[in-house]
C-alpha cells in the first residue's frame, strides 16, 4: 500500500502538479540512454505508472517499443492515457516471467512496503541482464530538491524512505547488482513563483504527511522566497540502476 491514498482527489492533484515539463523530462533521456539501448521489439515496464506521463514518454523515445504501465490505484488508472495500463503493484506484477527488457520506477520506491518481494517480482519479469532503473529521492539524499529548502519539516518524512543501501540489499538477495548511481538535474519549474502557484499539497507525499501548521509555515516560506528568486527551479534526483 502507498504511503498516501491515491484517491480521486490525490490523482487529480498529481495530474495537475506532478506532470513534469518537457524540459524536465528531456533531462532524463541521456541518463536512460547510458543504461538502456533501443532495439526493435523492446518491451519496458513502467511500474507505479501513475497517470502515464513516463509510459507515454518512453514510447516516444523508443519507437517500435511496447511499454506496459502497471498502477495499483484505480483513480490513477482512470486518468492514465497510456493505452496499455494494468492493475498491479510491485509485489504482484501482472506479467509472465522474463517478459520485459527493463523496468522503470519513477518516485515509486518509497511507496513499496516490501522491498524483497518487489525485488523478487522484478527478478521474475525482467529478462536476465536487463536494468531496473529507479528514479527517486532516497533517505539522506534530499539536498538537491528545492521543496525541502522551504519545507524542512518534510525531511523527517524523507528520512523514512528507503536509503540506497536498503534497496541494494533487498535486490542483491535476488541476484541484482548495482551498476550505477548518478544524479540527474532537471528544470522542474520556470521560476519559484510558478512552482508556488502550481503547488498542490495532495500531489506530494512528504507534504501530505506534514501537520497543517507545518504545511502553512512552509508555504509562507516558499512564497517569500519566490518574491525575490526569479531563476529556474532546478532539482536533482537520483537514478539507481540495478541488473
C-alpha atoms as a PDB file:
ATOM      1  CA  UNK A   1       0.000   0.000   0.000  1.00  0.00           C
ATOM      2  CA  UNK A   2       1.216   3.513  -0.846  1.00  0.00           C
ATOM      3  CA  UNK A   3       2.163   5.880   1.963  1.00  0.00           C
ATOM      4  CA  UNK A   4      -0.776   8.065   0.949  1.00  0.00           C
ATOM      5  CA  UNK A   5      -4.110   7.073  -0.567  1.00  0.00           C
ATOM      6  CA  UNK A   6      -4.153   7.908  -4.261  1.00  0.00           C
ATOM      7  CA  UNK A   7      -7.886   8.538  -4.355  1.00  0.00           C
ATOM      8  CA  UNK A   8      -9.692  10.744  -6.874  1.00  0.00           C
ATOM      9  CA  UNK A   9      -8.562  13.956  -5.139  1.00  0.00           C
ATOM     10  CA  UNK A  10      -4.911  12.919  -4.952  1.00  0.00           C
ATOM     11  CA  UNK A  11      -4.938  11.617  -8.521  1.00  0.00           C
ATOM     12  CA  UNK A  12      -6.314  14.937  -9.787  1.00  0.00           C
ATOM     13  CA  UNK A  13      -3.680  16.849  -7.824  1.00  0.00           C
ATOM     14  CA  UNK A  14      -0.936  14.583  -9.137  1.00  0.00           C
ATOM     15  CA  UNK A  15      -2.089  15.094 -12.714  1.00  0.00           C
ATOM     16  CA  UNK A  16      -2.220  18.857 -12.255  1.00  0.00           C
ATOM     17  CA  UNK A  17       1.016  19.353 -10.330  1.00  0.00           C
ATOM     18  CA  UNK A  18       3.373  16.417 -10.844  1.00  0.00           C
ATOM     19  CA  UNK A  19       3.435  16.185 -14.621  1.00  0.00           C
ATOM     20  CA  UNK A  20       6.940  17.303 -15.492  1.00  0.00           C
ATOM     21  CA  UNK A  21       7.592  19.900 -18.135  1.00  0.00           C
ATOM     22  CA  UNK A  22       9.012  18.743 -21.433  1.00  0.00           C
ATOM     23  CA  UNK A  23      12.378  20.255 -20.454  1.00  0.00           C
ATOM     24  CA  UNK A  24      12.421  18.333 -17.172  1.00  0.00           C
ATOM     25  CA  UNK A  25      11.582  15.061 -18.880  1.00  0.00           C
ATOM     26  CA  UNK A  26      14.169  15.660 -21.611  1.00  0.00           C
ATOM     27  CA  UNK A  27      16.914  15.849 -18.974  1.00  0.00           C
ATOM     28  CA  UNK A  28      16.358  12.145 -18.302  1.00  0.00           C
ATOM     29  CA  UNK A  29      16.713  10.967 -21.883  1.00  0.00           C
ATOM     30  CA  UNK A  30      20.543  10.920 -21.962  1.00  0.00           C
ATOM     31  CA  UNK A  31      20.611   9.369 -18.484  1.00  0.00           C
ATOM     32  CA  UNK A  32      18.447   6.469 -19.630  1.00  0.00           C
ATOM     33  CA  UNK A  33      20.411   6.168 -22.863  1.00  0.00           C
ATOM     34  CA  UNK A  34      23.511   5.315 -20.837  1.00  0.00           C
ATOM     35  CA  UNK A  35      21.785   2.212 -19.487  1.00  0.00           C
ATOM     36  CA  UNK A  36      19.073   1.241 -21.972  1.00  0.00           C
ATOM     37  CA  UNK A  37      19.763   0.680 -25.660  1.00  0.00           C
ATOM     38  CA  UNK A  38      16.878   0.917 -28.145  1.00  0.00           C
ATOM     39  CA  UNK A  39      16.162  -2.091 -30.324  1.00  0.00           C
ATOM     40  CA  UNK A  40      13.219  -3.433 -32.307  1.00  0.00           C
ATOM     41  CA  UNK A  41      10.568  -5.008 -30.132  1.00  0.00           C
ATOM     42  CA  UNK A  42      11.894  -3.540 -26.866  1.00  0.00           C
ATOM     43  CA  UNK A  43       9.471  -4.240 -24.007  1.00  0.00           C
ATOM     44  CA  UNK A  44       9.500  -1.927 -20.998  1.00  0.00           C
ATOM     45  CA  UNK A  45       7.682  -1.944 -17.671  1.00  0.00           C
ATOM     46  CA  UNK A  46       6.629   1.352 -16.082  1.00  0.00           C
ATOM     47  CA  UNK A  47       5.907   0.213 -12.532  1.00  0.00           C
ATOM     48  CA  UNK A  48       3.793   2.595 -10.476  1.00  0.00           C
ATOM     49  CA  UNK A  49       2.953   4.468 -13.651  1.00  0.00           C
ATOM     50  CA  UNK A  50       0.517   6.953 -12.152  1.00  0.00           C
ATOM     51  CA  UNK A  51      -1.282   8.866 -14.872  1.00  0.00           C
ATOM     52  CA  UNK A  52       1.063   7.590 -17.573  1.00  0.00           C
ATOM     53  CA  UNK A  53       3.419  10.507 -18.231  1.00  0.00           C
ATOM     54  CA  UNK A  54       6.527   8.341 -18.276  1.00  0.00           C
ATOM     55  CA  UNK A  55       4.874   5.474 -20.145  1.00  0.00           C
ATOM     56  CA  UNK A  56       3.940   7.840 -22.971  1.00  0.00           C
ATOM     57  CA  UNK A  57       7.404   9.415 -22.925  1.00  0.00           C
ATOM     58  CA  UNK A  58       9.207   6.074 -23.086  1.00  0.00           C
ATOM     59  CA  UNK A  59       7.011   5.038 -26.004  1.00  0.00           C
ATOM     60  CA  UNK A  60       8.055   8.198 -27.841  1.00  0.00           C
ATOM     61  CA  UNK A  61      11.745   7.827 -27.025  1.00  0.00           C
ATOM     62  CA  UNK A  62      11.866   4.201 -28.134  1.00  0.00           C
ATOM     63  CA  UNK A  63       9.906   3.851 -31.387  1.00  0.00           C
ATOM     64  CA  UNK A  64       8.746   0.319 -32.000  1.00  0.00           C
ATOM     65  CA  UNK A  65       8.842  -0.487 -28.286  1.00  0.00           C
ATOM     66  CA  UNK A  66       5.947  -1.618 -26.129  1.00  0.00           C
ATOM     67  CA  UNK A  67       5.538  -0.081 -22.678  1.00  0.00           C
ATOM     68  CA  UNK A  68       3.368  -1.823 -20.103  1.00  0.00           C
ATOM     69  CA  UNK A  69       2.136   0.550 -17.394  1.00  0.00           C
ATOM     70  CA  UNK A  70       1.289  -1.070 -14.043  1.00  0.00           C
ATOM     71  CA  UNK A  71      -0.514   1.045 -11.449  1.00  0.00           C
ATOM     72  CA  UNK A  72      -2.283  -0.042  -8.243  1.00  0.00           C
ATOM     73  CA  UNK A  73      -4.572   2.978  -7.843  1.00  0.00           C
ATOM     74  CA  UNK A  74      -7.892   2.825  -9.741  1.00  0.00           C
ATOM     75  CA  UNK A  75      -8.125   6.627  -9.607  1.00  0.00           C
ATOM     76  CA  UNK A  76      -4.708   6.956 -11.235  1.00  0.00           C
ATOM     77  CA  UNK A  77      -5.545   4.326 -13.861  1.00  0.00           C
ATOM     78  CA  UNK A  78      -8.747   6.183 -14.701  1.00  0.00           C
ATOM     79  CA  UNK A  79      -6.641   9.237 -15.566  1.00  0.00           C
ATOM     80  CA  UNK A  80      -3.953   7.310 -17.435  1.00  0.00           C
ATOM     81  CA  UNK A  81      -3.958   7.982 -21.178  1.00  0.00           C
ATOM     82  CA  UNK A  82      -1.385   5.299 -21.968  1.00  0.00           C
ATOM     83  CA  UNK A  83      -3.130   2.528 -23.916  1.00  0.00           C
ATOM     84  CA  UNK A  84      -1.690  -0.445 -22.003  1.00  0.00           C
ATOM     85  CA  UNK A  85      -2.246   0.198 -18.294  1.00  0.00           C
ATOM     86  CA  UNK A  86      -2.908  -2.703 -15.946  1.00  0.00           C
ATOM     87  CA  UNK A  87      -3.801  -3.088 -12.264  1.00  0.00           C
ATOM     88  CA  UNK A  88      -0.998  -4.451 -10.137  1.00  0.00           C
ATOM     89  CA  UNK A  89       1.736  -3.493  -7.718  1.00  0.00           C
ATOM     90  CA  UNK A  90       5.399  -4.124  -7.034  1.00  0.00           C
ATOM     91  CA  UNK A  91       4.845  -7.422  -5.200  1.00  0.00           C
ATOM     92  CA  UNK A  92       2.337  -8.694  -7.789  1.00  0.00           C
ATOM     93  CA  UNK A  93       3.271  -7.609 -11.306  1.00  0.00           C
ATOM     94  CA  UNK A  94       0.715  -8.892 -13.842  1.00  0.00           C
ATOM     95  CA  UNK A  95       3.276 -10.133 -16.369  1.00  0.00           C
ATOM     96  CA  UNK A  96       4.725 -13.536 -17.232  1.00  0.00           C
ATOM     97  CA  UNK A  97       8.299 -14.462 -16.434  1.00  0.00           C
ATOM     98  CA  UNK A  98      11.064 -12.759 -18.419  1.00  0.00           C
ATOM     99  CA  UNK A  99       8.513 -10.610 -20.228  1.00  0.00           C
ATOM    100  CA  UNK A 100      10.272  -7.220 -20.288  1.00  0.00           C
ATOM    101  CA  UNK A 101      13.739  -5.973 -21.176  1.00  0.00           C
ATOM    102  CA  UNK A 102      13.814  -3.291 -18.481  1.00  0.00           C
ATOM    103  CA  UNK A 103      11.765  -1.753 -15.679  1.00  0.00           C
ATOM    104  CA  UNK A 104      11.332   1.932 -14.856  1.00  0.00           C
ATOM    105  CA  UNK A 105      10.243   3.103 -11.384  1.00  0.00           C
ATOM    106  CA  UNK A 106       9.856   6.867 -11.010  1.00  0.00           C
ATOM    107  CA  UNK A 107       9.273   8.259  -7.489  1.00  0.00           C
ATOM    108  CA  UNK A 108       7.717   4.936  -6.539  1.00  0.00           C
ATOM    109  CA  UNK A 109      10.186   3.013  -4.394  1.00  0.00           C
ATOM    110  CA  UNK A 110       9.197   4.812  -1.157  1.00  0.00           C
ATOM    111  CA  UNK A 111       5.626   3.529  -1.620  1.00  0.00           C
ATOM    112  CA  UNK A 112       6.747  -0.113  -1.753  1.00  0.00           C
ATOM    113  CA  UNK A 113       6.127  -1.729   1.658  1.00  0.00           C
ATOM    114  CA  UNK A 114       8.008  -4.955   0.926  1.00  0.00           C
ATOM    115  CA  UNK A 115      11.258  -4.330  -0.941  1.00  0.00           C
ATOM    116  CA  UNK A 116      12.349  -8.001  -1.009  1.00  0.00           C
ATOM    117  CA  UNK A 117       9.014  -9.011  -2.527  1.00  0.00           C
ATOM    118  CA  UNK A 118       9.332  -6.269  -5.141  1.00  0.00           C
ATOM    119  CA  UNK A 119      12.881  -7.342  -5.948  1.00  0.00           C
ATOM    120  CA  UNK A 120      11.731 -10.942  -6.373  1.00  0.00           C
ATOM    121  CA  UNK A 121       8.957  -9.900  -8.747  1.00  0.00           C
ATOM    122  CA  UNK A 122      11.266  -7.695 -10.796  1.00  0.00           C
ATOM    123  CA  UNK A 123      13.792 -10.524 -10.966  1.00  0.00           C
ATOM    124  CA  UNK A 124      10.974 -12.709 -12.310  1.00  0.00           C
ATOM    125  CA  UNK A 125       9.616 -10.373 -15.005  1.00  0.00           C
ATOM    126  CA  UNK A 126      12.811  -8.610 -16.205  1.00  0.00           C
ATOM    127  CA  UNK A 127      14.887 -10.649 -18.610  1.00  0.00           C
ATOM    128  CA  UNK A 128      18.377 -11.625 -17.402  1.00  0.00           C
ATOM    129  CA  UNK A 129      20.766  -8.698 -17.702  1.00  0.00           C
ATOM    130  CA  UNK A 130      18.006  -6.142 -18.118  1.00  0.00           C
ATOM    131  CA  UNK A 131      18.172  -2.995 -15.985  1.00  0.00           C
ATOM    132  CA  UNK A 132      15.856  -1.856 -13.252  1.00  0.00           C
ATOM    133  CA  UNK A 133      16.027   1.945 -13.335  1.00  0.00           C
ATOM    134  CA  UNK A 134      14.865   3.695 -10.159  1.00  0.00           C
ATOM    135  CA  UNK A 135      14.335   7.453 -10.198  1.00  0.00           C
ATOM    136  CA  UNK A 136      13.890   8.617  -6.632  1.00  0.00           C
ATOM    137  CA  UNK A 137      14.702  10.728  -3.621  1.00  0.00           C
ATOM    138  CA  UNK A 138      16.346   8.325  -1.193  1.00  0.00           C
ATOM    139  CA  UNK A 139      16.679   8.810   2.548  1.00  0.00           C
ATOM    140  CA  UNK A 140      19.580  11.128   3.341  1.00  0.00           C
ATOM    141  CA  UNK A 141      19.841  12.352  -0.273  1.00  0.00           C
ATOM    142  CA  UNK A 142      17.217  15.125  -0.361  1.00  0.00           C
ATOM    143  CA  UNK A 143      19.578  18.087  -0.567  1.00  0.00           C
ATOM    144  CA  UNK A 144      19.158  18.659  -4.304  1.00  0.00           C
ATOM    145  CA  UNK A 145      15.381  19.069  -4.083  1.00  0.00           C
ATOM    146  CA  UNK A 146      14.125  22.651  -3.827  1.00  0.00           C
ATOM    147  CA  UNK A 147      10.946  21.697  -1.991  1.00  0.00           C
ATOM    148  CA  UNK A 148      12.864  20.664   1.121  1.00  0.00           C
ATOM    149  CA  UNK A 149      14.634  24.007   1.409  1.00  0.00           C
ATOM    150  CA  UNK A 150      11.254  25.623   2.006  1.00  0.00           C
ATOM    151  CA  UNK A 151       9.593  22.720   3.800  1.00  0.00           C
ATOM    152  CA  UNK A 152      12.455  21.434   6.007  1.00  0.00           C
ATOM    153  CA  UNK A 153       9.905  19.712   8.248  1.00  0.00           C
ATOM    154  CA  UNK A 154       9.249  17.335   5.355  1.00  0.00           C
ATOM    155  CA  UNK A 155      12.789  15.975   5.607  1.00  0.00           C
ATOM    156  CA  UNK A 156      11.645  13.811   8.516  1.00  0.00           C
ATOM    157  CA  UNK A 157       9.271  12.095   6.079  1.00  0.00           C
ATOM    158  CA  UNK A 158      12.019  11.553   3.513  1.00  0.00           C
ATOM    159  CA  UNK A 159      14.208  10.092   6.236  1.00  0.00           C
ATOM    160  CA  UNK A 160      11.678   7.245   6.488  1.00  0.00           C
ATOM    161  CA  UNK A 161      12.086   6.464   2.763  1.00  0.00           C
ATOM    162  CA  UNK A 162      14.381   3.610   1.757  1.00  0.00           C
ATOM    163  CA  UNK A 163      18.059   4.502   1.618  1.00  0.00           C
ATOM    164  CA  UNK A 164      20.115   3.444  -1.379  1.00  0.00           C
ATOM    165  CA  UNK A 165      21.693   0.722   0.771  1.00  0.00           C
ATOM    166  CA  UNK A 166      18.248  -0.616   1.725  1.00  0.00           C
ATOM    167  CA  UNK A 167      17.285  -1.026  -1.921  1.00  0.00           C
ATOM    168  CA  UNK A 168      20.643  -2.543  -2.849  1.00  0.00           C
ATOM    169  CA  UNK A 169      20.428  -5.094  -0.024  1.00  0.00           C
ATOM    170  CA  UNK A 170      16.884  -6.157  -0.920  1.00  0.00           C
ATOM    171  CA  UNK A 171      17.726  -6.514  -4.600  1.00  0.00           C
ATOM    172  CA  UNK A 172      21.071  -8.218  -4.013  1.00  0.00           C
ATOM    173  CA  UNK A 173      19.218 -11.059  -2.291  1.00  0.00           C
ATOM    174  CA  UNK A 174      17.567 -11.735  -5.660  1.00  0.00           C
ATOM    175  CA  UNK A 175      20.669 -11.567  -7.787  1.00  0.00           C
ATOM    176  CA  UNK A 176      20.780  -7.873  -8.690  1.00  0.00           C
ATOM    177  CA  UNK A 177      23.928  -5.791  -8.525  1.00  0.00           C
ATOM    178  CA  UNK A 178      24.235  -2.012  -8.686  1.00  0.00           C
ATOM    179  CA  UNK A 179      25.681  -0.789 -11.953  1.00  0.00           C
ATOM    180  CA  UNK A 180      25.156   2.963 -11.482  1.00  0.00           C
ATOM    181  CA  UNK A 181      24.079   5.625  -9.039  1.00  0.00           C
ATOM    182  CA  UNK A 182      24.021   9.043 -10.615  1.00  0.00           C
ATOM    183  CA  UNK A 183      22.374  12.388 -10.002  1.00  0.00           C
ATOM    184  CA  UNK A 184      20.281  13.919 -12.747  1.00  0.00           C
ATOM    185  CA  UNK A 185      19.373  17.636 -12.642  1.00  0.00           C
ATOM    186  CA  UNK A 186      16.092  18.756 -14.165  1.00  0.00           C
ATOM    187  CA  UNK A 187      14.312  22.083 -14.572  1.00  0.00           C
ATOM    188  CA  UNK A 188      11.179  21.454 -12.534  1.00  0.00           C
ATOM    189  CA  UNK A 189       9.639  24.914 -12.991  1.00  0.00           C
ATOM    190  CA  UNK A 190      10.456  28.098 -14.872  1.00  0.00           C
ATOM    191  CA  UNK A 191      10.520  30.128 -11.638  1.00  0.00           C
ATOM    192  CA  UNK A 192       9.969  29.600  -7.949  1.00  0.00           C
ATOM    193  CA  UNK A 193       6.838  31.741  -8.237  1.00  0.00           C
ATOM    194  CA  UNK A 194       5.447  29.365 -10.851  1.00  0.00           C
ATOM    195  CA  UNK A 195       6.244  26.427  -8.586  1.00  0.00           C
ATOM    196  CA  UNK A 196       4.494  28.105  -5.665  1.00  0.00           C
ATOM    197  CA  UNK A 197       1.427  28.975  -7.727  1.00  0.00           C
ATOM    198  CA  UNK A 198       1.033  25.448  -9.022  1.00  0.00           C
ATOM    199  CA  UNK A 199       1.835  23.617  -5.796  1.00  0.00           C
ATOM    200  CA  UNK A 200      -0.784  21.073  -4.759  1.00  0.00           C
ATOM    201  CA  UNK A 201      -0.245  19.514  -1.350  1.00  0.00           C
ATOM    202  CA  UNK A 202      -2.155  16.358  -2.282  1.00  0.00           C
ATOM    203  CA  UNK A 203       0.354  15.629  -5.035  1.00  0.00           C
ATOM    204  CA  UNK A 204       3.395  15.311  -2.743  1.00  0.00           C
ATOM    205  CA  UNK A 205       3.760  12.515  -0.198  1.00  0.00           C
ATOM    206  CA  UNK A 206       6.093  14.469   2.155  1.00  0.00           C
ATOM    207  CA  UNK A 207       3.690  17.429   2.207  1.00  0.00           C
ATOM    208  CA  UNK A 208       0.623  15.287   2.791  1.00  0.00           C
ATOM    209  CA  UNK A 209       2.301  13.837   5.881  1.00  0.00           C
ATOM    210  CA  UNK A 210       3.021  17.216   7.485  1.00  0.00           C
ATOM    211  CA  UNK A 211       0.716  18.820  10.008  1.00  0.00           C
ATOM    212  CA  UNK A 212      -1.477  21.629   8.673  1.00  0.00           C
ATOM    213  CA  UNK A 213       0.564  24.185  10.620  1.00  0.00           C
ATOM    214  CA  UNK A 214       3.842  22.854   9.225  1.00  0.00           C
ATOM    215  CA  UNK A 215       2.484  22.998   5.711  1.00  0.00           C
ATOM    216  CA  UNK A 216       1.210  26.565   6.148  1.00  0.00           C
ATOM    217  CA  UNK A 217       4.576  27.673   7.541  1.00  0.00           C
ATOM    218  CA  UNK A 218       6.468  26.094   4.675  1.00  0.00           C
ATOM    219  CA  UNK A 219       4.130  27.554   2.060  1.00  0.00           C
ATOM    220  CA  UNK A 220       4.694  31.022   3.538  1.00  0.00           C
ATOM    221  CA  UNK A 221       8.476  30.475   3.309  1.00  0.00           C
ATOM    222  CA  UNK A 222       8.135  29.383  -0.299  1.00  0.00           C
ATOM    223  CA  UNK A 223       6.090  32.434  -1.263  1.00  0.00           C
ATOM    224  CA  UNK A 224       8.513  34.811   0.445  1.00  0.00           C
ATOM    225  CA  UNK A 225      11.442  33.272  -1.387  1.00  0.00           C
ATOM    226  CA  UNK A 226       9.543  33.362  -4.687  1.00  0.00           C
ATOM    227  CA  UNK A 227       9.211  37.131  -4.417  1.00  0.00           C
ATOM    228  CA  UNK A 228      12.960  37.590  -4.950  1.00  0.00           C
ATOM    229  CA  UNK A 229      14.190  34.368  -6.578  1.00  0.00           C
ATOM    230  CA  UNK A 230      13.418  34.640 -10.285  1.00  0.00           C
ATOM    231  CA  UNK A 231      15.642  31.880 -11.630  1.00  0.00           C
ATOM    232  CA  UNK A 232      14.525  28.438 -12.764  1.00  0.00           C
ATOM    233  CA  UNK A 233      13.831  25.701 -10.228  1.00  0.00           C
ATOM    234  CA  UNK A 234      16.463  23.022 -10.731  1.00  0.00           C
ATOM    235  CA  UNK A 235      16.049  19.794  -8.791  1.00  0.00           C
ATOM    236  CA  UNK A 236      18.444  16.861  -8.693  1.00  0.00           C
ATOM    237  CA  UNK A 237      17.087  13.338  -8.381  1.00  0.00           C
ATOM    238  CA  UNK A 238      18.957  10.065  -8.092  1.00  0.00           C
ATOM    239  CA  UNK A 239      18.973   7.370 -10.720  1.00  0.00           C
ATOM    240  CA  UNK A 240      19.834   3.947  -9.274  1.00  0.00           C
ATOM    241  CA  UNK A 241      20.428   1.215 -11.832  1.00  0.00           C
ATOM    242  CA  UNK A 242      20.460  -2.470 -10.896  1.00  0.00           C
ATOM    243  CA  UNK A 243      20.929  -5.521 -13.103  1.00  0.00           C
END
